[in-house]
Amino acid sequence: MMINNNIGAAKKSNPSPGKYVLPKVDSQKIVDTFVSSAEIWAPSGHEKLMADKMIREFRAMDIKGMTVEVDDSGSRTGSDTGNVIIDIPPSPDAPENAKNICLSFHMDRVPVRAPGVADSEPVQVEITQDGKIQSKDSHTNIAADDLCGYATIKEGIELINKKGIPHGRVRVIGFTKEEPGIFGARELDPKYLQGLDYGFEMDGGSIGNIIRSGGNIAHFNVTIQGQSAPSIHPWEGKNAMVAGIEIAGLLTQIKKAPSERFNISNFESGKRWQSGEPVTNMVPDEAYMAGEIRSNTSDGMKEMKSQIEEALKQSALKHNVTYSLNYDEMNGYDLPEEADVVGFAQMATEKAGIKPKVITTMGGSDGNYMNMKGLPTVVLGSGAHLQHTEREYTSINELVRGTQVIMSIIASTVSSPVSTIAGEVMKSGI
């Protein structure tokens, strides 16, 4: 893992003493940007409609020197588009020591619909009187995770550009297929992160959250192979399902630290007739399970893996079956609180009039791979709540505040911005 921690105080490295008043956020415009994005059904692997919207809206800003590129990662991730990379050069009046940053988010959504809601039903967004933004009648999710990230980045950049506020280089990346395994960020060529100082990934949680660490995550897949037999003579077979059930029971008892996680997400076995009815007159010869383990330490991951393998060996021997075990792993990252990027994020959040909250999690995000590829990156809360459910929501308040944070980060690349957020935030308390 390549992590440049850049230990030091962010305020000391602030390149310019000048101060700039951040522009006010048009709450109606930020809501319109979010809603028009949320209404696009772009589940993982089908992000092209969202990518096209992003490209169209950034080009409409007519920023001098801006370039737009779609990389070739789609052929490797299985998406209908690649990652979108937009590069905005430093403003003409930026000092030579201006910071160069990356602002990123993921374009895909978890395709959640409530039971009984047809796949063809479009996303309908409603805004309550207190400013809460949610799905009408809770029929679908609204992709607040992570289109809050898109809306705040897009609006923040547009306002900074219109007001002519000096800034360093800003590279914006819209990632594909984050939800099923962070595939777009995994396949990003590191060349797109070269020359940058800090990364800021907008993704979920409350505005003001600064996530400085992400967990090590390993997805596991187990296939258990037995021997089929007629149910009238079950002793002639090797029941893969029975072995699998026992393994699942053993795995739920593995020892782990309070901060570590183990989860079985899938279990499949048995066969069905073409009509869909279960085949009951045979011993199942195969079982399959999947899940994941999470830990903030490599030693914790190693210990849980050891226990998984021991449980498999015991049951395989007892039931005379064979098995295969495969892992798909992602390294975590752990930036110290003293890292420059953490201090920079805190300073910019405070300048936006918002209290920063530095936290650690075991979650995975595009930020994991950005750190692994050499760019010190923190994940910033984008204002999405109850993600991955039909009850997902954000609020006008959080969209405005998120935009203010983005503007403050951009302006802080050369200056010490002054916030004007107080007059723009709805007092909804959401």
Protein backbone atom coordinates (compact mmCIF):
# COMPACT_ATOMS: atom_id res chain seq x y z
CA MET A 1 0.00 0.00 0.00
CA MET A 2 1.43 3.39 -0.97
CA ILE A 3 0.25 6.15 1.33
CA ASN A 4 1.91 9.55 1.47
CA ASN A 5 0.81 10.77 4.89
CA ASN A 6 2.38 14.24 4.53
CA ILE A 7 2.52 14.66 8.27
CA GLY A 8 2.23 18.29 9.27
CA ALA A 9 -0.20 21.05 10.08
CA ALA A 10 -2.43 21.96 7.16
CA LYS A 11 -2.81 25.57 8.26
CA LYS A 12 0.96 26.12 8.07
CA SER A 13 1.01 24.92 4.46
CA ASN A 14 -1.87 27.18 3.41
CA PRO A 15 -0.34 28.79 0.32
CA SER A 16 -1.86 32.26 0.44
CA PRO A 17 -3.00 34.63 3.20
CA GLY A 18 -5.73 36.13 1.03
CA LYS A 19 -9.36 35.72 2.01
CA TYR A 20 -12.33 35.23 -0.30
CA VAL A 21 -15.99 35.27 0.59
CA LEU A 22 -17.67 32.06 -0.50
CA PRO A 23 -20.71 32.63 -2.70
CA LYS A 24 -24.14 31.79 -1.39
CA VAL A 25 -25.70 28.55 -2.52
CA ASP A 26 -28.93 28.65 -4.47
CA SER A 27 -30.93 26.04 -2.56
CA GLN A 28 -33.42 25.54 -5.40
CA LYS A 29 -30.65 24.97 -7.94
CA ILE A 30 -28.81 22.41 -5.82
CA VAL A 31 -32.07 20.56 -5.20
CA ASP A 32 -32.85 20.57 -8.94
CA THR A 33 -29.40 19.16 -9.70
CA PHE A 34 -29.82 16.40 -7.14
CA VAL A 35 -33.39 15.46 -8.09
CA SER A 36 -32.66 15.35 -11.83
CA SER A 37 -29.74 13.02 -11.06
CA ALA A 38 -31.67 10.84 -8.61
CA GLU A 39 -34.39 10.25 -11.20
CA ILE A 40 -31.85 8.54 -13.47
CA TRP A 41 -31.96 4.79 -12.84
CA ALA A 42 -28.25 3.96 -13.08
CA PRO A 43 -27.53 0.80 -11.06
CA SER A 44 -24.02 -0.63 -10.88
CA GLY A 45 -22.79 -1.55 -14.34
CA HIS A 46 -25.29 0.74 -16.07
CA GLU A 47 -23.91 4.18 -15.24
CA LYS A 48 -23.74 5.57 -18.79
CA LEU A 49 -26.85 7.74 -18.49
CA MET A 50 -25.43 9.34 -15.35
CA ALA A 51 -21.99 9.66 -16.95
CA ASP A 52 -23.55 11.41 -19.96
CA LYS A 53 -25.39 13.84 -17.67
CA MET A 54 -22.19 14.61 -15.76
CA ILE A 55 -20.25 15.29 -18.96
CA ARG A 56 -23.04 17.42 -20.41
CA GLU A 57 -23.44 19.55 -17.28
CA PHE A 58 -19.72 20.15 -16.78
CA ARG A 59 -19.19 21.10 -20.41
CA ALA A 60 -22.03 23.59 -20.08
CA MET A 61 -19.98 25.46 -17.44
CA ASP A 62 -17.54 26.45 -20.23
CA ILE A 63 -14.51 26.44 -17.91
CA LYS A 64 -11.40 27.52 -19.80
CA GLY A 65 -8.87 24.73 -20.24
CA MET A 66 -11.13 22.01 -18.81
CA THR A 67 -10.75 18.54 -20.30
CA VAL A 68 -13.18 15.62 -20.15
CA GLU A 69 -12.21 11.99 -20.52
CA VAL A 70 -13.87 8.61 -20.08
CA ASP A 71 -11.30 5.93 -19.30
CA ASP A 72 -11.26 2.39 -20.68
CA SER A 73 -12.10 0.67 -17.38
CA GLY A 74 -15.59 -0.35 -18.55
CA SER A 75 -14.21 -3.29 -20.51
CA ARG A 76 -12.66 -4.64 -17.31
CA THR A 77 -15.39 -3.80 -14.79
CA GLY A 78 -18.35 -4.86 -16.94
CA SER A 79 -19.90 -1.40 -16.87
CA ASP A 80 -21.45 0.25 -19.92
CA THR A 81 -19.10 3.21 -19.40
CA GLY A 82 -15.73 3.98 -17.90
CA ASN A 83 -14.87 6.32 -15.08
CA VAL A 84 -15.39 9.97 -15.97
CA ILE A 85 -12.34 12.16 -15.36
CA ILE A 86 -12.70 15.94 -15.59
CA ASP A 87 -9.61 18.09 -15.20
CA ILE A 88 -9.90 21.78 -14.34
CA PRO A 89 -6.58 23.66 -14.50
CA PRO A 90 -5.50 26.14 -11.82
CA SER A 91 -7.06 29.56 -12.18
CA PRO A 92 -4.79 32.09 -13.92
CA ASP A 93 -4.27 34.00 -10.66
CA ALA A 94 -3.41 30.91 -8.56
CA PRO A 95 0.03 31.00 -6.89
CA GLU A 96 2.64 28.45 -7.89
CA ASN A 97 2.31 26.68 -4.55
CA ALA A 98 -1.46 26.20 -4.85
CA LYS A 99 -2.68 22.77 -3.79
CA ASN A 100 -3.96 20.37 -6.45
CA ILE A 101 -6.90 18.23 -5.40
CA CYS A 102 -9.24 15.47 -6.49
CA LEU A 103 -12.98 15.57 -5.78
CA SER A 104 -14.71 12.26 -6.40
CA PHE A 105 -17.96 10.35 -6.02
CA HIS A 106 -19.50 7.19 -7.46
CA MET A 107 -22.13 7.27 -10.18
CA ASP A 108 -23.86 3.97 -9.46
CA ARG A 109 -26.72 3.16 -7.14
CA VAL A 110 -27.98 0.09 -5.33
CA PRO A 111 -31.16 -0.80 -7.30
CA VAL A 112 -33.60 -0.88 -4.38
CA ARG A 113 -37.36 -1.10 -4.88
CA ALA A 114 -39.92 -1.82 -2.19
CA PRO A 115 -41.77 -5.19 -2.36
CA GLY A 116 -44.46 -5.08 -5.03
CA VAL A 117 -42.99 -2.07 -6.84
CA ALA A 118 -42.57 -2.83 -10.54
CA ASP A 119 -39.10 -2.63 -12.07
CA SER A 120 -40.53 -0.27 -14.66
CA GLU A 121 -41.73 2.29 -12.11
CA PRO A 122 -39.65 5.47 -12.38
CA VAL A 123 -37.99 7.09 -9.39
CA GLN A 124 -40.27 9.71 -7.86
CA VAL A 125 -38.71 12.18 -5.43
CA GLU A 126 -40.69 14.24 -2.95
CA ILE A 127 -39.64 17.10 -0.66
CA THR A 128 -41.42 17.44 2.65
CA GLN A 129 -42.29 20.74 4.29
CA ASP A 130 -39.33 20.48 6.63
CA GLY A 131 -36.89 20.04 3.74
CA LYS A 132 -36.43 16.28 3.78
CA ILE A 133 -35.83 14.76 0.33
CA GLN A 134 -37.02 11.18 -0.07
CA SER A 135 -38.75 8.68 -2.34
CA LYS A 136 -42.45 9.25 -2.79
CA ASP A 137 -44.27 6.61 -0.72
CA SER A 138 -40.86 4.96 -0.10
CA HIS A 139 -41.08 3.04 -3.38
CA THR A 140 -37.37 3.18 -4.29
CA ASN A 141 -34.11 4.53 -3.01
CA ILE A 142 -33.13 7.99 -4.29
CA ALA A 143 -29.38 7.33 -4.79
CA ALA A 144 -28.47 9.97 -2.22
CA ASP A 145 -25.55 7.58 -1.90
CA ASP A 146 -23.82 8.93 -3.89
CA LEU A 147 -25.60 11.54 -6.00
CA CYS A 148 -25.44 13.96 -3.09
CA GLY A 149 -21.73 13.79 -3.84
CA TYR A 150 -22.28 14.62 -7.50
CA ALA A 151 -24.69 17.47 -6.85
CA THR A 152 -22.51 19.19 -4.26
CA ILE A 153 -19.32 18.84 -6.33
CA LYS A 154 -20.99 20.08 -9.50
CA GLU A 155 -22.69 23.05 -7.88
CA GLY A 156 -19.64 23.96 -5.82
CA ILE A 157 -17.37 24.05 -8.86
CA GLU A 158 -19.89 26.03 -10.89
CA LEU A 159 -20.19 28.71 -8.19
CA ILE A 160 -16.42 28.97 -7.69
CA ASN A 161 -15.98 29.36 -11.44
CA LYS A 162 -18.73 31.97 -11.84
CA LYS A 163 -17.39 34.08 -8.98
CA GLY A 164 -13.80 33.86 -10.23
CA ILE A 165 -12.41 32.60 -6.93
CA PRO A 166 -8.74 31.56 -7.33
CA HIS A 167 -7.97 27.85 -6.94
CA GLY A 168 -5.42 25.17 -7.68
CA ARG A 169 -5.96 22.27 -10.07
CA VAL A 170 -9.22 20.39 -9.48
CA ARG A 171 -9.70 16.91 -10.89
CA VAL A 172 -13.21 15.46 -10.63
CA ILE A 173 -13.75 11.71 -10.96
CA GLY A 174 -17.08 9.95 -11.26
CA PHE A 175 -16.48 6.27 -10.49
CA THR A 176 -18.40 3.26 -11.76
CA LYS A 177 -19.45 0.11 -9.86
CA GLU A 178 -18.57 1.23 -6.35
CA GLU A 179 -21.44 -0.55 -4.65
CA PRO A 180 -20.72 -4.18 -5.64
CA GLY A 181 -16.99 -4.05 -4.98
CA ILE A 182 -15.40 -0.66 -5.78
CA PHE A 183 -14.49 -1.89 -9.25
CA GLY A 184 -14.22 1.47 -11.02
CA ALA A 185 -11.68 2.86 -8.54
CA ARG A 186 -9.83 -0.45 -8.56
CA GLU A 187 -9.35 -0.18 -12.32
CA LEU A 188 -8.43 3.53 -12.38
CA ASP A 189 -5.02 4.14 -13.91
CA PRO A 190 -2.86 5.78 -11.20
CA LYS A 191 -1.74 8.36 -13.77
CA TYR A 192 -5.01 10.23 -13.14
CA LEU A 193 -3.92 10.83 -9.53
CA GLN A 194 -0.38 11.95 -10.27
CA GLY A 195 0.49 15.56 -9.51
CA LEU A 196 -2.31 15.87 -6.96
CA ASP A 197 -1.82 16.66 -3.28
CA TYR A 198 -5.08 15.57 -1.64
CA GLY A 199 -8.18 13.55 -2.43
CA PHE A 200 -11.69 14.10 -1.12
CA GLU A 201 -14.28 11.39 -1.78
CA MET A 202 -17.88 12.44 -1.12
CA ASP A 203 -19.79 9.38 0.02
CA GLY A 204 -22.56 8.98 2.56
CA GLY A 205 -23.05 10.12 6.14
CA SER A 206 -23.56 13.49 7.73
CA ILE A 207 -22.02 16.69 6.44
CA GLY A 208 -18.97 17.44 8.54
CA ASN A 209 -17.82 13.82 8.82
CA ILE A 210 -14.19 13.32 7.84
CA ILE A 211 -13.33 9.62 7.56
CA ARG A 212 -9.59 9.08 7.88
CA SER A 213 -9.54 5.28 7.75
CA GLY A 214 -11.29 2.48 5.93
CA GLY A 215 -11.26 -1.20 6.81
CA ASN A 216 -9.58 -4.19 5.24
CA ILE A 217 -12.37 -6.12 3.53
CA ALA A 218 -12.34 -9.65 2.15
CA HIS A 219 -15.32 -11.11 0.28
CA PHE A 220 -15.27 -14.91 0.45
CA ASN A 221 -16.91 -17.57 -1.70
CA VAL A 222 -17.13 -21.21 -0.64
CA THR A 223 -18.24 -24.08 -2.86
CA ILE A 224 -18.84 -27.45 -1.16
CA GLN A 225 -18.85 -30.49 -3.39
CA GLY A 226 -20.54 -33.72 -2.27
CA GLN A 227 -22.13 -36.65 -4.07
CA SER A 228 -25.72 -36.89 -5.27
CA ALA A 229 -27.86 -39.91 -4.41
CA PRO A 230 -31.58 -40.83 -4.45
CA SER A 231 -33.36 -39.79 -1.29
CA ILE A 232 -34.47 -43.38 -0.72
CA HIS A 233 -30.78 -44.32 -0.31
CA PRO A 234 -29.26 -41.15 1.21
CA TRP A 235 -26.29 -43.08 2.67
CA GLU A 236 -25.02 -43.53 -0.88
CA GLY A 237 -24.54 -39.77 -1.21
CA LYS A 238 -22.54 -37.01 0.46
CA ASN A 239 -24.93 -34.24 1.44
CA ALA A 240 -23.26 -30.92 0.59
CA MET A 241 -26.13 -28.96 2.12
CA VAL A 242 -25.82 -30.61 5.53
CA ALA A 243 -22.07 -29.95 5.49
CA GLY A 244 -22.68 -26.37 4.42
CA ILE A 245 -25.21 -25.71 7.18
CA GLU A 246 -22.77 -27.03 9.76
CA ILE A 247 -20.00 -24.84 8.33
CA ALA A 248 -22.24 -21.79 8.47
CA GLY A 249 -23.01 -22.52 12.11
CA LEU A 250 -19.33 -22.87 12.96
CA LEU A 251 -18.46 -19.66 11.15
CA THR A 252 -20.97 -17.60 13.12
CA GLN A 253 -19.04 -18.59 16.25
CA ILE A 254 -15.58 -17.49 15.13
CA LYS A 255 -13.69 -15.30 17.56
CA LYS A 256 -13.23 -11.68 16.56
CA ALA A 257 -12.44 -8.35 18.15
CA PRO A 258 -15.37 -6.03 18.99
CA SER A 259 -14.43 -3.82 16.04
CA GLU A 260 -14.26 -6.72 13.56
CA ARG A 261 -17.12 -8.04 11.47
CA PHE A 262 -18.11 -11.37 9.96
CA ASN A 263 -21.17 -11.88 7.77
CA ILE A 264 -22.67 -14.70 5.69
CA SER A 265 -24.70 -13.05 2.96
CA ASN A 266 -25.67 -15.96 0.70
CA PHE A 267 -26.37 -19.68 1.03
CA GLU A 268 -27.59 -21.80 -1.85
CA SER A 269 -28.10 -25.54 -2.27
CA GLY A 270 -30.50 -28.06 -3.75
CA LYS A 271 -32.07 -28.19 -7.18
CA ARG A 272 -35.42 -27.19 -8.64
CA TRP A 273 -37.60 -28.47 -11.44
CA GLN A 274 -38.28 -26.22 -14.42
CA SER A 275 -41.59 -25.35 -12.79
CA GLY A 276 -39.70 -23.90 -9.85
CA GLU A 277 -40.68 -26.63 -7.42
CA PRO A 278 -37.84 -28.05 -5.29
CA VAL A 279 -36.39 -31.42 -6.16
CA THR A 280 -36.92 -33.38 -2.94
CA ASN A 281 -36.00 -36.90 -3.99
CA MET A 282 -32.23 -36.48 -4.21
CA VAL A 283 -29.31 -35.68 -1.93
CA PRO A 284 -27.85 -32.27 -2.93
CA ASP A 285 -24.32 -32.61 -4.21
CA GLU A 286 -23.33 -28.94 -4.06
CA ALA A 287 -23.70 -26.00 -1.71
CA TYR A 288 -22.50 -22.45 -2.04
CA MET A 289 -22.06 -19.63 0.46
CA ALA A 290 -20.66 -16.13 0.33
CA GLY A 291 -19.96 -13.38 2.79
CA GLU A 292 -17.31 -11.02 4.02
CA ILE A 293 -14.94 -10.26 6.86
CA ARG A 294 -13.76 -6.80 7.93
CA SER A 295 -10.99 -5.62 10.20
CA ASN A 296 -8.88 -2.52 10.68
CA THR A 297 -5.77 -4.67 11.09
CA SER A 298 -4.05 -7.20 8.85
CA ASP A 299 -3.53 -9.49 11.87
CA GLY A 300 -7.29 -9.49 12.51
CA MET A 301 -7.95 -10.50 8.91
CA LYS A 302 -5.37 -13.25 9.10
CA GLU A 303 -6.88 -14.69 12.29
CA MET A 304 -10.46 -14.72 10.92
CA LYS A 305 -9.28 -16.37 7.70
CA SER A 306 -7.53 -19.05 9.75
CA GLN A 307 -10.74 -19.80 11.64
CA ILE A 308 -12.78 -19.98 8.42
CA GLU A 309 -10.36 -22.47 6.93
CA GLU A 310 -10.34 -24.58 10.11
CA ALA A 311 -14.16 -24.77 10.12
CA LEU A 312 -14.12 -25.89 6.48
CA LYS A 313 -11.52 -28.57 7.12
CA GLN A 314 -13.40 -29.98 10.12
CA SER A 315 -16.74 -30.25 8.30
CA ALA A 316 -15.23 -31.54 5.07
CA LEU A 317 -13.53 -34.35 6.98
CA LYS A 318 -16.66 -35.15 9.00
CA HIS A 319 -19.00 -35.28 5.98
CA ASN A 320 -16.48 -36.59 3.44
CA VAL A 321 -16.96 -33.65 1.08
CA THR A 322 -14.52 -31.35 -0.69
CA TYR A 323 -14.53 -27.58 -0.85
CA SER A 324 -12.95 -24.58 -2.54
CA LEU A 325 -12.44 -21.21 -0.88
CA ASN A 326 -11.70 -17.95 -2.70
CA TYR A 327 -11.19 -14.41 -1.47
CA ASP A 328 -11.56 -11.05 -3.19
CA GLU A 329 -9.69 -8.61 -0.98
CA MET A 330 -9.30 -4.86 -0.60
CA ASN A 331 -6.73 -3.28 1.66
CA GLY A 332 -7.82 -0.65 4.11
CA TYR A 333 -6.13 2.66 4.81
CA ASP A 334 -5.35 4.46 8.04
CA LEU A 335 -4.33 8.12 7.86
CA PRO A 336 -3.12 9.57 11.18
CA GLU A 337 -5.03 12.51 12.58
CA GLU A 338 -1.91 14.62 11.98
CA ALA A 339 -1.87 13.92 8.23
CA ASP A 340 -1.99 17.05 6.08
CA VAL A 341 -5.09 15.94 4.21
CA VAL A 342 -6.99 15.42 7.48
CA GLY A 343 -5.98 18.83 8.79
CA PHE A 344 -6.83 20.46 5.46
CA ALA A 345 -10.30 18.89 5.49
CA GLN A 346 -10.88 20.04 9.07
CA MET A 347 -9.80 23.57 8.28
CA ALA A 348 -11.93 23.81 5.14
CA THR A 349 -14.98 22.36 6.92
CA GLU A 350 -14.63 24.87 9.74
CA LYS A 351 -14.29 27.72 7.23
CA ALA A 352 -17.58 26.55 5.73
CA GLY A 353 -19.21 27.19 9.11
CA ILE A 354 -19.58 23.49 9.91
CA LYS A 355 -18.12 21.58 12.84
CA PRO A 356 -15.81 18.84 11.55
CA LYS A 357 -15.93 15.34 13.02
CA VAL A 358 -12.92 13.13 12.31
CA ILE A 359 -13.89 9.46 12.52
CA THR A 360 -12.69 5.98 11.58
CA THR A 361 -14.80 3.23 10.03
CA MET A 362 -14.56 -0.28 8.66
CA GLY A 363 -16.41 0.74 5.55
CA GLY A 364 -15.01 0.49 2.05
CA SER A 365 -15.14 3.22 -0.58
CA ASP A 366 -13.36 4.56 -3.63
CA GLY A 367 -11.12 6.28 -1.07
CA ASN A 368 -9.52 2.93 -0.21
CA TYR A 369 -8.12 2.55 -3.71
CA MET A 370 -7.18 6.22 -4.06
CA ASN A 371 -5.00 5.83 -0.97
CA MET A 372 -3.63 2.53 -2.25
CA LYS A 373 -2.70 4.24 -5.53
CA GLY A 374 -0.74 6.92 -3.70
CA LEU A 375 -3.10 9.88 -3.17
CA PRO A 376 -3.81 10.73 0.49
CA THR A 377 -7.61 10.76 0.53
CA VAL A 378 -10.31 11.24 3.15
CA VAL A 379 -13.99 10.43 2.72
CA LEU A 380 -16.35 13.30 3.45
CA GLY A 381 -19.97 12.85 4.49
CA SER A 382 -22.20 13.83 1.57
CA GLY A 383 -25.55 13.95 3.39
CA ALA A 384 -27.03 10.54 2.54
CA HIS A 385 -28.87 8.58 5.23
CA LEU A 386 -30.46 5.11 5.38
CA GLN A 387 -28.49 4.26 2.28
CA HIS A 388 -29.34 1.17 0.21
CA THR A 389 -32.98 1.19 1.37
CA GLU A 390 -36.23 2.55 0.00
CA ARG A 391 -36.28 4.87 3.05
CA GLU A 392 -33.07 6.62 1.98
CA TYR A 393 -33.12 10.39 2.37
CA THR A 394 -31.15 13.61 2.37
CA SER A 395 -32.26 17.20 2.93
CA ILE A 396 -32.07 20.64 1.42
CA ASN A 397 -30.05 21.64 4.44
CA GLU A 398 -27.39 19.01 3.86
CA LEU A 399 -27.14 19.63 0.11
CA VAL A 400 -26.49 23.31 0.79
CA ARG A 401 -23.99 22.57 3.54
CA GLY A 402 -22.23 19.96 1.41
CA THR A 403 -21.86 22.45 -1.42
CA GLN A 404 -20.43 24.96 1.01
CA VAL A 405 -17.83 22.43 2.16
CA ILE A 406 -16.83 21.70 -1.46
CA MET A 407 -16.43 25.41 -2.22
CA SER A 408 -14.37 25.89 0.92
CA ILE A 409 -12.07 22.99 -0.02
CA ILE A 410 -11.54 24.42 -3.52
CA ALA A 411 -10.94 27.98 -2.27
CA SER A 412 -8.61 26.71 0.46
CA THR A 413 -6.19 25.46 -2.16
CA VAL A 414 -4.95 29.05 -2.40
CA SER A 415 -6.72 31.04 0.29
CA SER A 416 -8.58 31.18 3.56
CA PRO A 417 -12.25 31.44 2.61
CA VAL A 418 -14.95 33.21 4.60
CA SER A 419 -18.29 31.42 4.86
CA THR A 420 -21.70 32.88 4.04
CA ILE A 421 -23.61 29.72 4.79
CA ALA A 422 -25.78 31.05 7.61
CA GLY A 423 -28.21 32.83 5.34
CA GLU A 424 -28.74 29.87 3.07
CA VAL A 425 -29.35 26.86 5.29
CA MET A 426 -32.93 25.90 6.01
CA LYS A 427 -33.52 25.66 9.73
CA SER A 428 -35.11 22.23 9.44
CA GLY A 429 -32.75 20.44 11.80
CA ILE A 430 -32.62 17.45 9.46
